[in-house]
PDB file of all heavy atoms in Angstrom:
ATOM      1  N   ARG A   1      96.472 201.402 117.607  1.00  0.00           N
ATOM      2  CA  ARG A   1      96.461 202.111 116.368  1.00  0.00           C
ATOM      3  C   ARG A   1      95.790 203.488 116.704  1.00  0.00           C
ATOM      4  O   ARG A   1      94.657 203.512 117.350  1.00  0.00           O
ATOM      5  CB  ARG A   1      95.933 201.416 115.229  1.00  0.00           C
ATOM      6  CG  ARG A   1      96.725 200.205 114.920  1.00  0.00           C
ATOM      7  CD  ARG A   1      96.517 199.661 113.564  1.00  0.00           C
ATOM      8  NE  ARG A   1      97.367 198.487 113.314  1.00  0.00           N
ATOM      9  CZ  ARG A   1      98.609 198.580 112.846  1.00  0.00           C
ATOM     10  NH1 ARG A   1      99.095 199.801 112.677  1.00  0.00           N
ATOM     11  NH2 ARG A   1      99.356 197.523 112.584  1.00  0.00           N
ATOM     12  N   PHE A   2      96.269 204.595 116.043  1.00  0.00           N
ATOM     13  CA  PHE A   2      95.646 206.010 116.307  1.00  0.00           C
ATOM     14  C   PHE A   2      94.325 205.907 115.479  1.00  0.00           C
ATOM     15  O   PHE A   2      94.214 205.653 114.297  1.00  0.00           O
ATOM     16  CB  PHE A   2      96.516 207.015 115.723  1.00  0.00           C
ATOM     17  CG  PHE A   2      97.888 207.141 116.516  1.00  0.00           C
ATOM     18  CD1 PHE A   2      99.004 206.915 115.907  1.00  0.00           C
ATOM     19  CD2 PHE A   2      97.761 207.805 117.785  1.00  0.00           C
ATOM     20  CE1 PHE A   2     100.136 207.062 116.654  1.00  0.00           C
ATOM     21  CE2 PHE A   2      98.937 207.924 118.564  1.00  0.00           C
ATOM     22  CZ  PHE A   2     100.080 207.642 117.987  1.00  0.00           C
ATOM     23  N   ILE A   3      93.189 206.343 116.257  1.00  0.00           N
ATOM     24  CA  ILE A   3      91.942 206.644 115.630  1.00  0.00           C
ATOM     25  C   ILE A   3      91.598 208.021 115.716  1.00  0.00           C
ATOM     26  O   ILE A   3      90.607 208.534 114.983  1.00  0.00           O
ATOM     27  CB  ILE A   3      90.835 205.659 116.227  1.00  0.00           C
ATOM     28  CG1 ILE A   3      90.676 206.052 117.767  1.00  0.00           C
ATOM     29  CG2 ILE A   3      91.102 204.349 116.048  1.00  0.00           C
ATOM     30  CD1 ILE A   3      89.468 205.423 118.398  1.00  0.00           C
ATOM     31  N   LEU A   4      92.377 208.744 116.433  1.00  0.00           N
ATOM     32  CA  LEU A   4      92.158 210.274 116.469  1.00  0.00           C
ATOM     33  C   LEU A   4      93.471 210.929 116.939  1.00  0.00           C
ATOM     34  O   LEU A   4      94.133 210.336 117.748  1.00  0.00           O
ATOM     35  CB  LEU A   4      91.051 210.604 117.548  1.00  0.00           C
ATOM     36  CG  LEU A   4      90.606 212.118 117.603  1.00  0.00           C
ATOM     37  CD1 LEU A   4      89.242 212.224 117.955  1.00  0.00           C
ATOM     38  CD2 LEU A   4      91.584 212.875 118.690  1.00  0.00           C
ATOM     39  N   ALA A   5      93.836 212.151 116.292  1.00  0.00           N
ATOM     40  CA  ALA A   5      95.026 212.823 116.605  1.00  0.00           C
ATOM     41  C   ALA A   5      94.829 214.159 116.059  1.00  0.00           C
ATOM     42  O   ALA A   5      94.116 214.534 115.213  1.00  0.00           O
ATOM     43  CB  ALA A   5      96.213 212.194 116.032  1.00  0.00           C
ATOM     44  N   ASN A   6      95.282 215.153 116.935  1.00  0.00           N
ATOM     45  CA  ASN A   6      95.190 216.580 116.549  1.00  0.00           C
ATOM     46  C   ASN A   6      96.456 217.224 116.079  1.00  0.00           C
ATOM     47  O   ASN A   6      97.568 216.456 116.021  1.00  0.00           O
ATOM     48  CB  ASN A   6      94.689 217.500 117.699  1.00  0.00           C
ATOM     49  CG  ASN A   6      95.744 217.586 118.889  1.00  0.00           C
ATOM     50  OD1 ASN A   6      96.789 216.868 118.838  1.00  0.00           O
ATOM     51  ND2 ASN A   6      95.360 218.349 119.928  1.00  0.00           N
ATOM     52  N   ALA A   7      96.485 218.432 115.620  1.00  0.00           N
ATOM     53  CA  ALA A   7      97.793 218.955 114.950  1.00  0.00           C
ATOM     54  C   ALA A   7      98.843 219.029 115.908  1.00  0.00           C
ATOM     55  O   ALA A   7     100.075 218.873 115.462  1.00  0.00           O
ATOM     56  CB  ALA A   7      97.303 220.335 114.443  1.00  0.00           C
ATOM     57  N   ALA A   8      98.588 219.391 117.131  1.00  0.00           N
ATOM     58  CA  ALA A   8      99.738 219.345 118.171  1.00  0.00           C
ATOM     59  C   ALA A   8     100.431 218.099 118.255  1.00  0.00           C
ATOM     60  O   ALA A   8     101.619 218.034 118.495  1.00  0.00           O
ATOM     61  CB  ALA A   8      99.324 219.892 119.549  1.00  0.00           C
ATOM     62  N   ALA A   9      99.626 216.923 118.262  1.00  0.00           N
ATOM     63  CA  ALA A   9     100.198 215.615 118.451  1.00  0.00           C
ATOM     64  C   ALA A   9     101.025 215.274 117.170  1.00  0.00           C
ATOM     65  O   ALA A   9     102.202 214.648 117.286  1.00  0.00           O
ATOM     66  CB  ALA A   9      99.203 214.499 118.529  1.00  0.00           C
ATOM     67  N   ALA A  10     100.612 215.696 116.000  1.00  0.00           N
ATOM     68  CA  ALA A  10     101.376 215.381 114.696  1.00  0.00           C
ATOM     69  C   ALA A  10     102.741 216.163 114.789  1.00  0.00           C
ATOM     70  O   ALA A  10     103.835 215.729 114.486  1.00  0.00           O
ATOM     71  CB  ALA A  10     100.617 215.891 113.583  1.00  0.00           C
ATOM     72  N   ALA A  11     102.709 217.436 115.352  1.00  0.00           N
ATOM     73  CA  ALA A  11     103.857 218.364 115.551  1.00  0.00           C
ATOM     74  C   ALA A  11     104.853 217.628 116.414  1.00  0.00           C
ATOM     75  O   ALA A  11     106.044 217.683 116.159  1.00  0.00           O
ATOM     76  CB  ALA A  11     103.494 219.756 115.902  1.00  0.00           C
ATOM     77  N   HIS A  12     104.332 217.221 117.564  1.00  0.00           N
ATOM     78  CA  HIS A  12     105.323 216.622 118.609  1.00  0.00           C
ATOM     79  C   HIS A  12     105.988 215.414 118.035  1.00  0.00           C
ATOM     80  O   HIS A  12     107.209 215.089 118.332  1.00  0.00           O
ATOM     81  CB  HIS A  12     104.438 216.189 119.777  1.00  0.00           C
ATOM     82  CG  HIS A  12     104.150 217.374 120.738  1.00  0.00           C
ATOM     83  ND1 HIS A  12     103.447 217.299 121.928  1.00  0.00           N
ATOM     84  CD2 HIS A  12     104.544 218.621 120.671  1.00  0.00           C
ATOM     85  CE1 HIS A  12     103.340 218.461 122.456  1.00  0.00           C
ATOM     86  NE2 HIS A  12     103.844 219.309 121.706  1.00  0.00           N
ATOM     87  N   LEU A  13     105.184 214.493 117.225  1.00  0.00           N
ATOM     88  CA  LEU A  13     105.842 213.311 116.669  1.00  0.00           C
ATOM     89  C   LEU A  13     106.576 213.576 115.403  1.00  0.00           C
ATOM     90  O   LEU A  13     107.209 212.662 114.938  1.00  0.00           O
ATOM     91  CB  LEU A  13     104.635 212.290 116.528  1.00  0.00           C
ATOM     92  CG  LEU A  13     103.958 211.853 117.714  1.00  0.00           C
ATOM     93  CD1 LEU A  13     102.673 211.059 117.391  1.00  0.00           C
ATOM     94  CD2 LEU A  13     104.899 210.918 118.549  1.00  0.00           C
ATOM     95  N   ALA A  14     106.340 214.827 114.836  1.00  0.00           N
ATOM     96  CA  ALA A  14     107.090 215.173 113.582  1.00  0.00           C
ATOM     97  C   ALA A  14     106.623 214.228 112.485  1.00  0.00           C
ATOM     98  O   ALA A  14     107.455 213.815 111.606  1.00  0.00           O
ATOM     99  CB  ALA A  14     108.549 215.009 113.652  1.00  0.00           C
ATOM    100  N   ILE A  15     105.307 213.950 112.392  1.00  0.00           N
ATOM    101  CA  ILE A  15     104.752 213.046 111.395  1.00  0.00           C
ATOM    102  C   ILE A  15     103.409 213.794 110.891  1.00  0.00           C
ATOM    103  O   ILE A  15     102.708 214.303 111.742  1.00  0.00           O
ATOM    104  CB  ILE A  15     104.383 211.630 112.013  1.00  0.00           C
ATOM    105  CG1 ILE A  15     105.527 210.934 112.604  1.00  0.00           C
ATOM    106  CG2 ILE A  15     103.584 210.709 111.163  1.00  0.00           C
ATOM    107  CD1 ILE A  15     105.360 209.729 113.481  1.00  0.00           C
ATOM    108  N   PRO A  16     103.158 213.820 109.559  1.00  0.00           N
ATOM    109  CA  PRO A  16     102.039 214.332 108.958  1.00  0.00           C
ATOM    110  C   PRO A  16     100.731 213.826 109.609  1.00  0.00           C
ATOM    111  O   PRO A  16     100.750 212.559 109.944  1.00  0.00           O
ATOM    112  CB  PRO A  16     102.191 214.010 107.501  1.00  0.00           C
ATOM    113  CG  PRO A  16     103.542 213.796 107.300  1.00  0.00           C
ATOM    114  CD  PRO A  16     104.130 213.199 108.542  1.00  0.00           C
ATOM    115  N   LEU A  17      99.749 214.584 110.022  1.00  0.00           N
ATOM    116  CA  LEU A  17      98.554 214.189 110.622  1.00  0.00           C
ATOM    117  C   LEU A  17      97.815 213.024 109.809  1.00  0.00           C
ATOM    118  O   LEU A  17      97.362 212.029 110.461  1.00  0.00           O
ATOM    119  CB  LEU A  17      97.681 215.437 110.786  1.00  0.00           C
ATOM    120  CG  LEU A  17      96.332 215.100 111.576  1.00  0.00           C
ATOM    121  CD1 LEU A  17      96.608 214.628 113.051  1.00  0.00           C
ATOM    122  CD2 LEU A  17      95.509 216.375 111.591  1.00  0.00           C
ATOM    123  N   GLU A  18      97.817 213.122 108.676  1.00  0.00           N
ATOM    124  CA  GLU A  18      97.127 211.970 107.794  1.00  0.00           C
ATOM    125  C   GLU A  18      97.921 210.674 107.936  1.00  0.00           C
ATOM    126  O   GLU A  18      97.242 209.683 107.743  1.00  0.00           O
ATOM    127  CB  GLU A  18      96.951 212.423 106.345  1.00  0.00           C
ATOM    128  CG  GLU A  18      98.172 212.874 105.641  1.00  0.00           C
ATOM    129  CD  GLU A  18      98.596 214.233 105.808  1.00  0.00           C
ATOM    130  OE1 GLU A  18      98.152 214.957 106.708  1.00  0.00           O
ATOM    131  OE2 GLU A  18      99.525 214.711 105.086  1.00  0.00           O
ATOM    132  N   ALA A  19      99.124 210.788 108.156  1.00  0.00           N
ATOM    133  CA  ALA A  19     100.066 209.532 108.284  1.00  0.00           C
ATOM    134  C   ALA A  19      99.729 208.856 109.616  1.00  0.00           C
ATOM    135  O   ALA A  19     100.034 207.688 109.838  1.00  0.00           O
ATOM    136  CB  ALA A  19     101.389 209.832 108.027  1.00  0.00           C
ATOM    137  N   LEU A  20      99.217 209.528 110.721  1.00  0.00           N
ATOM    138  CA  LEU A  20      99.018 209.064 111.954  1.00  0.00           C
ATOM    139  C   LEU A  20      97.882 208.091 112.137  1.00  0.00           C
ATOM    140  O   LEU A  20      97.961 206.947 112.724  1.00  0.00           O
ATOM    141  CB  LEU A  20      98.983 210.195 113.056  1.00  0.00           C
ATOM    142  CG  LEU A  20     100.222 210.882 113.455  1.00  0.00           C
ATOM    143  CD1 LEU A  20      99.815 211.943 114.572  1.00  0.00           C
ATOM    144  CD2 LEU A  20     101.120 209.817 114.234  1.00  0.00           C
ATOM    145  N   ILE A  21      96.777 208.490 111.475  1.00  0.00           N
ATOM    146  CA  ILE A  21      95.497 207.754 111.645  1.00  0.00           C
ATOM    147  C   ILE A  21      95.719 206.329 110.944  1.00  0.00           C
ATOM    148  O   ILE A  21      96.138 206.254 109.818  1.00  0.00           O
ATOM    149  CB  ILE A  21      94.359 208.377 110.976  1.00  0.00           C
ATOM    150  CG1 ILE A  21      94.183 209.926 111.373  1.00  0.00           C
ATOM    151  CG2 ILE A  21      93.056 207.676 111.150  1.00  0.00           C
ATOM    152  CD1 ILE A  21      94.033 210.012 112.945  1.00  0.00           C
ATOM    153  N   GLY A  22      95.433 205.385 111.829  1.00  0.00           N
ATOM    154  CA  GLY A  22      95.612 203.992 111.354  1.00  0.00           C
ATOM    155  C   GLY A  22      96.966 203.396 111.629  1.00  0.00           C
ATOM    156  O   GLY A  22      97.180 202.189 111.533  1.00  0.00           O
ATOM    157  N   ALA A  23      97.843 204.212 112.035  1.00  0.00           N
ATOM    158  CA  ALA A  23      99.231 203.720 112.423  1.00  0.00           C
ATOM    159  C   ALA A  23      99.378 203.677 113.902  1.00  0.00           C
ATOM    160  O   ALA A  23      98.505 204.130 114.664  1.00  0.00           O
ATOM    161  CB  ALA A  23     100.262 204.744 111.837  1.00  0.00           C
ATOM    162  N   SER A  24     100.496 203.099 114.409  1.00  0.00           N
ATOM    163  CA  SER A  24     100.798 203.068 115.811  1.00  0.00           C
ATOM    164  C   SER A  24     102.152 203.705 116.050  1.00  0.00           C
ATOM    165  O   SER A  24     102.988 203.788 115.062  1.00  0.00           O
ATOM    166  CB  SER A  24     100.777 201.594 116.292  1.00  0.00           C
ATOM    167  OG  SER A  24     101.718 200.810 115.669  1.00  0.00           O
ATOM    168  N   PRO A  25     102.518 204.099 117.227  1.00  0.00           N
ATOM    169  CA  PRO A  25     103.788 204.759 117.504  1.00  0.00           C
ATOM    170  C   PRO A  25     105.002 203.845 116.950  1.00  0.00           C
ATOM    171  O   PRO A  25     105.978 204.368 116.618  1.00  0.00           O
ATOM    172  CB  PRO A  25     103.817 205.023 119.036  1.00  0.00           C
ATOM    173  CG  PRO A  25     102.306 205.080 119.324  1.00  0.00           C
ATOM    174  CD  PRO A  25     101.633 204.132 118.496  1.00  0.00           C
ATOM    175  N   GLY A  26     104.789 202.551 117.118  1.00  0.00           N
ATOM    176  CA  GLY A  26     105.920 201.649 116.784  1.00  0.00           C
ATOM    177  C   GLY A  26     106.266 201.770 115.351  1.00  0.00           C
ATOM    178  O   GLY A  26     107.468 201.399 114.934  1.00  0.00           O
ATOM    179  N   ASP A  27     105.341 202.107 114.545  1.00  0.00           N
ATOM    180  CA  ASP A  27     105.596 202.154 113.106  1.00  0.00           C
ATOM    181  C   ASP A  27     106.641 203.212 112.687  1.00  0.00           C
ATOM    182  O   ASP A  27     107.234 203.166 111.588  1.00  0.00           O
ATOM    183  CB  ASP A  27     104.287 202.529 112.328  1.00  0.00           C
ATOM    184  CG  ASP A  27     103.281 201.390 112.438  1.00  0.00           C
ATOM    185  OD1 ASP A  27     103.599 200.341 112.827  1.00  0.00           O
ATOM    186  OD2 ASP A  27     102.026 201.704 112.260  1.00  0.00           O
ATOM    187  N   PHE A  28     106.881 204.149 113.605  1.00  0.00           N
ATOM    188  CA  PHE A  28     107.831 205.246 113.248  1.00  0.00           C
ATOM    189  C   PHE A  28     109.102 205.126 114.105  1.00  0.00           C
ATOM    190  O   PHE A  28     109.879 206.004 114.176  1.00  0.00           O
ATOM    191  CB  PHE A  28     107.157 206.568 113.658  1.00  0.00           C
ATOM    192  CG  PHE A  28     105.777 206.768 112.990  1.00  0.00           C
ATOM    193  CD1 PHE A  28     104.656 206.601 113.651  1.00  0.00           C
ATOM    194  CD2 PHE A  28     105.785 206.927 111.671  1.00  0.00           C
ATOM    195  CE1 PHE A  28     103.336 206.691 113.170  1.00  0.00           C
ATOM    196  CE2 PHE A  28     104.455 207.149 111.062  1.00  0.00           C
ATOM    197  CZ  PHE A  28     103.280 207.011 111.865  1.00  0.00           C
ATOM    198  N   LEU A  29     109.307 204.011 114.835  1.00  0.00           N
ATOM    199  CA  LEU A  29     110.463 203.741 115.470  1.00  0.00           C
ATOM    200  C   LEU A  29     111.293 202.592 114.926  1.00  0.00           C
ATOM    201  O   LEU A  29     110.662 201.663 114.343  1.00  0.00           O
ATOM    202  CB  LEU A  29     110.104 203.367 116.898  1.00  0.00           C
ATOM    203  CG  LEU A  29     109.435 204.325 117.795  1.00  0.00           C
ATOM    204  CD1 LEU A  29     108.930 203.845 119.175  1.00  0.00           C
ATOM    205  CD2 LEU A  29     110.376 205.582 118.077  1.00  0.00           C
ATOM    206  N   PRO A  30     112.541 202.530 115.196  1.00  0.00           N
ATOM    207  CA  PRO A  30     113.397 201.439 114.507  1.00  0.00           C
ATOM    208  C   PRO A  30     113.072 200.109 115.243  1.00  0.00           C
ATOM    209  O   PRO A  30     112.798 199.997 116.503  1.00  0.00           O
ATOM    210  CB  PRO A  30     114.920 201.826 114.900  1.00  0.00           C
ATOM    211  CG  PRO A  30     114.675 202.868 115.951  1.00  0.00           C
ATOM    212  CD  PRO A  30     113.408 203.476 115.779  1.00  0.00           C
ATOM    213  N   GLY A  31     113.342 198.944 114.485  1.00  0.00           N
ATOM    214  CA  GLY A  31     113.206 197.566 114.881  1.00  0.00           C
ATOM    215  C   GLY A  31     112.764 197.170 116.302  1.00  0.00           C
ATOM    216  O   GLY A  31     111.628 197.244 116.749  1.00  0.00           O
ATOM    217  N   ALA A  32     113.788 197.021 117.256  1.00  0.00           N
ATOM    218  CA  ALA A  32     113.553 196.402 118.554  1.00  0.00           C
ATOM    219  C   ALA A  32     112.774 197.404 119.377  1.00  0.00           C
ATOM    220  O   ALA A  32     111.989 197.143 120.228  1.00  0.00           O
ATOM    221  CB  ALA A  32     114.870 196.011 119.156  1.00  0.00           C
ATOM    222  N   GLU A  33     113.120 198.760 119.229  1.00  0.00           N
ATOM    223  CA  GLU A  33     112.415 199.777 119.917  1.00  0.00           C
ATOM    224  C   GLU A  33     110.965 199.829 119.688  1.00  0.00           C
ATOM    225  O   GLU A  33     110.084 200.066 120.412  1.00  0.00           O
ATOM    226  CB  GLU A  33     113.055 201.112 119.563  1.00  0.00           C
ATOM    227  CG  GLU A  33     112.660 202.232 120.534  1.00  0.00           C
ATOM    228  CD  GLU A  33     113.426 203.590 120.260  1.00  0.00           C
ATOM    229  OE1 GLU A  33     114.460 203.553 119.469  1.00  0.00           O
ATOM    230  OE2 GLU A  33     113.033 204.600 120.768  1.00  0.00           O
ATOM    231  N   ALA A  34     110.648 199.604 118.362  1.00  0.00           N
ATOM    232  CA  ALA A  34     109.181 199.488 117.871  1.00  0.00           C
ATOM    233  C   ALA A  34     108.425 198.380 118.570  1.00  0.00           C
ATOM    234  O   ALA A  34     107.348 198.603 119.090  1.00  0.00           O
ATOM    235  CB  ALA A  34     109.149 199.466 116.487  1.00  0.00           C
ATOM    236  N   VAL A  35     109.045 197.298 118.689  1.00  0.00           N
ATOM    237  CA  VAL A  35     108.418 196.145 119.247  1.00  0.00           C
ATOM    238  C   VAL A  35     108.260 196.344 120.718  1.00  0.00           C
ATOM    239  O   VAL A  35     107.127 196.149 121.322  1.00  0.00           O
ATOM    240  CB  VAL A  35     109.323 194.824 119.100  1.00  0.00           C
ATOM    241  CG1 VAL A  35     108.815 193.632 119.851  1.00  0.00           C
ATOM    242  CG2 VAL A  35     109.507 194.496 117.586  1.00  0.00           C
ATOM    243  N   ASP A  36     109.338 196.791 121.460  1.00  0.00           N
ATOM    244  CA  ASP A  36     109.099 197.243 122.838  1.00  0.00           C
ATOM    245  C   ASP A  36     107.999 198.229 123.153  1.00  0.00           C
ATOM    246  O   ASP A  36     107.187 198.043 124.050  1.00  0.00           O
ATOM    247  CB  ASP A  36     110.443 197.723 123.416  1.00  0.00           C
ATOM    248  CG  ASP A  36     111.664 196.647 123.502  1.00  0.00           C
ATOM    249  OD1 ASP A  36     111.219 195.458 123.409  1.00  0.00           O
ATOM    250  OD2 ASP A  36     112.769 196.994 123.473  1.00  0.00           O
ATOM    251  N   ARG A  37     107.927 199.235 122.296  1.00  0.00           N
ATOM    252  CA  ARG A  37     106.972 200.263 122.476  1.00  0.00           C
ATOM    253  C   ARG A  37     105.515 199.728 122.268  1.00  0.00           C
ATOM    254  O   ARG A  37     104.661 200.008 123.039  1.00  0.00           O
ATOM    255  CB  ARG A  37     107.090 201.380 121.476  1.00  0.00           C
ATOM    256  CG  ARG A  37     106.215 202.547 121.586  1.00  0.00           C
ATOM    257  CD  ARG A  37     106.146 203.314 122.956  1.00  0.00           C
ATOM    258  NE  ARG A  37     105.197 204.314 123.105  1.00  0.00           N
ATOM    259  CZ  ARG A  37     105.572 205.568 123.102  1.00  0.00           C
ATOM    260  NH1 ARG A  37     106.865 206.015 123.208  1.00  0.00           N
ATOM    261  NH2 ARG A  37     104.655 206.481 123.323  1.00  0.00           N
TER     262      ARG A  37
END
């Protein structure tokens, strides 16, 4: 889970910065792809 992220990371992931903290990359991917990641 993300405990730190900068604005460039949020832009690359196309996710608001505040939504990143506490989440993991798999939270923004569909089903099986999220599990694999």
